Protein backbone atom coordinates (compact mmCIF):
# COMPACT_ATOMS: atom_id res chain seq x y z
CA MET A 1 12.22 -53.60 -39.85
CA ALA A 2 13.71 -50.88 -37.67
CA GLN A 3 15.71 -52.00 -34.68
CA VAL A 4 15.15 -49.10 -32.27
CA PHE A 5 14.62 -51.26 -29.19
CA CYS A 6 11.77 -49.23 -27.66
CA ASN A 7 13.51 -45.91 -28.27
CA GLU A 8 11.15 -43.69 -30.11
CA ILE A 9 12.54 -41.85 -33.08
CA ARG A 10 12.69 -38.12 -32.41
CA ARG A 11 10.18 -36.00 -34.24
CA GLN A 12 10.47 -32.38 -35.16
CA HIS A 13 8.84 -30.08 -32.61
CA SER A 14 5.91 -28.02 -33.73
CA GLN A 15 6.33 -24.27 -33.67
CA ALA A 16 2.97 -23.44 -32.10
CA ALA A 17 2.39 -19.85 -31.12
CA THR A 18 2.26 -19.24 -27.38
CA ARG A 19 -0.65 -17.45 -25.82
CA LYS A 20 -0.10 -13.85 -24.75
CA ALA A 21 0.10 -13.06 -21.05
CA ALA A 22 -3.08 -11.91 -19.33
CA ARG A 23 -3.14 -8.14 -18.91
CA TYR A 24 -6.46 -7.53 -17.13
CA LEU A 25 -8.31 -9.25 -14.32
CA ILE A 26 -11.94 -8.28 -13.84
CA VAL A 27 -13.87 -9.28 -10.74
CA ILE A 28 -17.57 -8.97 -11.58
CA GLU A 29 -20.88 -10.18 -10.21
CA SER A 30 -22.55 -12.71 -12.45
CA GLY A 31 -26.12 -13.12 -11.26
CA GLY A 32 -24.98 -14.13 -7.79
CA PRO A 33 -21.40 -15.04 -6.88
CA ALA A 34 -18.56 -12.98 -8.28
CA VAL A 35 -16.39 -14.39 -11.04
CA ALA A 36 -12.86 -13.46 -12.02
CA ARG A 37 -12.13 -13.14 -15.73
CA LEU A 38 -8.69 -12.84 -17.29
CA PHE A 39 -8.22 -10.88 -20.52
CA VAL A 40 -5.27 -10.29 -22.83
CA GLU A 41 -4.42 -6.79 -24.11
CA SER A 42 -6.98 -7.09 -26.96
CA ARG A 43 -9.76 -7.69 -24.37
CA GLU A 44 -10.09 -11.33 -25.42
CA GLN A 45 -11.06 -13.54 -22.49
CA VAL A 46 -8.61 -16.35 -21.74
CA ALA A 47 -9.91 -17.68 -18.41
CA GLU A 48 -12.82 -17.50 -15.97
CA PHE A 49 -12.95 -18.81 -12.42
CA ASP A 50 -14.51 -18.23 -9.00
CA ALA A 51 -13.45 -14.86 -7.58
CA SER A 52 -13.20 -16.24 -4.05
CA THR A 53 -10.16 -18.39 -4.86
CA GLU A 54 -6.72 -17.75 -3.41
CA GLU A 55 -5.35 -17.06 -6.89
CA VAL A 56 -7.35 -13.84 -7.11
CA THR A 57 -5.90 -12.65 -3.81
CA VAL A 58 -2.36 -13.42 -4.95
CA MET A 59 -2.79 -11.80 -8.39
CA THR A 60 -4.30 -8.60 -6.98
CA GLN A 61 -2.00 -8.15 -4.00
CA GLY A 62 -0.71 -4.58 -4.00
CA LEU A 63 -2.83 -3.53 -6.99
CA VAL A 64 -5.51 -0.83 -6.89
CA PRO A 65 -8.48 -1.61 -9.12
CA ALA A 66 -10.34 0.79 -11.35
CA ILE A 67 -14.02 0.64 -10.47
CA GLY A 68 -16.31 0.07 -13.41
CA ALA A 69 -15.85 -1.56 -16.79
CA VAL A 70 -18.23 0.72 -18.66
CA GLY A 71 -15.95 1.93 -21.45
CA ALA A 72 -16.55 0.97 -25.05
CA GLU A 73 -13.42 -1.21 -24.99
CA TRP A 74 -15.28 -3.62 -22.64
CA ASP A 75 -18.60 -3.73 -24.54
CA ARG A 76 -17.91 -6.93 -26.47
CA ALA A 77 -15.97 -8.69 -23.71
CA LEU A 78 -18.67 -8.11 -21.08
CA ALA A 79 -21.75 -8.24 -23.30
CA GLY A 80 -23.52 -10.77 -21.05
CA HIS A 81 -23.42 -8.52 -17.99
CA SER A 82 -25.89 -5.84 -16.98
CA ALA A 83 -24.96 -2.16 -16.75
CA THR A 84 -25.15 -2.38 -12.95
CA GLU A 85 -22.75 -5.32 -12.85
CA ARG A 86 -20.33 -3.53 -15.17
CA GLN A 87 -20.43 -0.34 -13.07
CA ALA A 88 -19.53 -2.29 -9.93
CA ALA A 89 -16.80 -4.40 -11.58
CA ARG A 90 -13.23 -4.11 -10.32
CA VAL A 91 -10.69 -3.93 -13.14
CA TYR A 92 -7.10 -4.81 -12.25
CA THR A 93 -4.27 -4.13 -14.66
CA LEU A 94 -1.76 -6.91 -14.09
CA ASP A 95 2.00 -6.49 -14.14
CA VAL A 96 3.28 -8.37 -17.15
């Protein structure tokens, strides 16, 4: 029987890969209220939240958005949105 007196034996830490930093923030209408979507460089979505939150204001402060996410690079990422929604989308490139 081990006598560790409630001290847990240390285990080796796992070497899990960390997620890449978000590179793009898109504010887009989604059949009503606008949503904010975060994407990594490969255009893979990593988060989605309400665009009216304070976080969106903080993340976009001082940034000028590109209007429209109609390029082929956004086709898969924004497949659920209409052409009109994609044309009106604001695309922010975040400082990483």
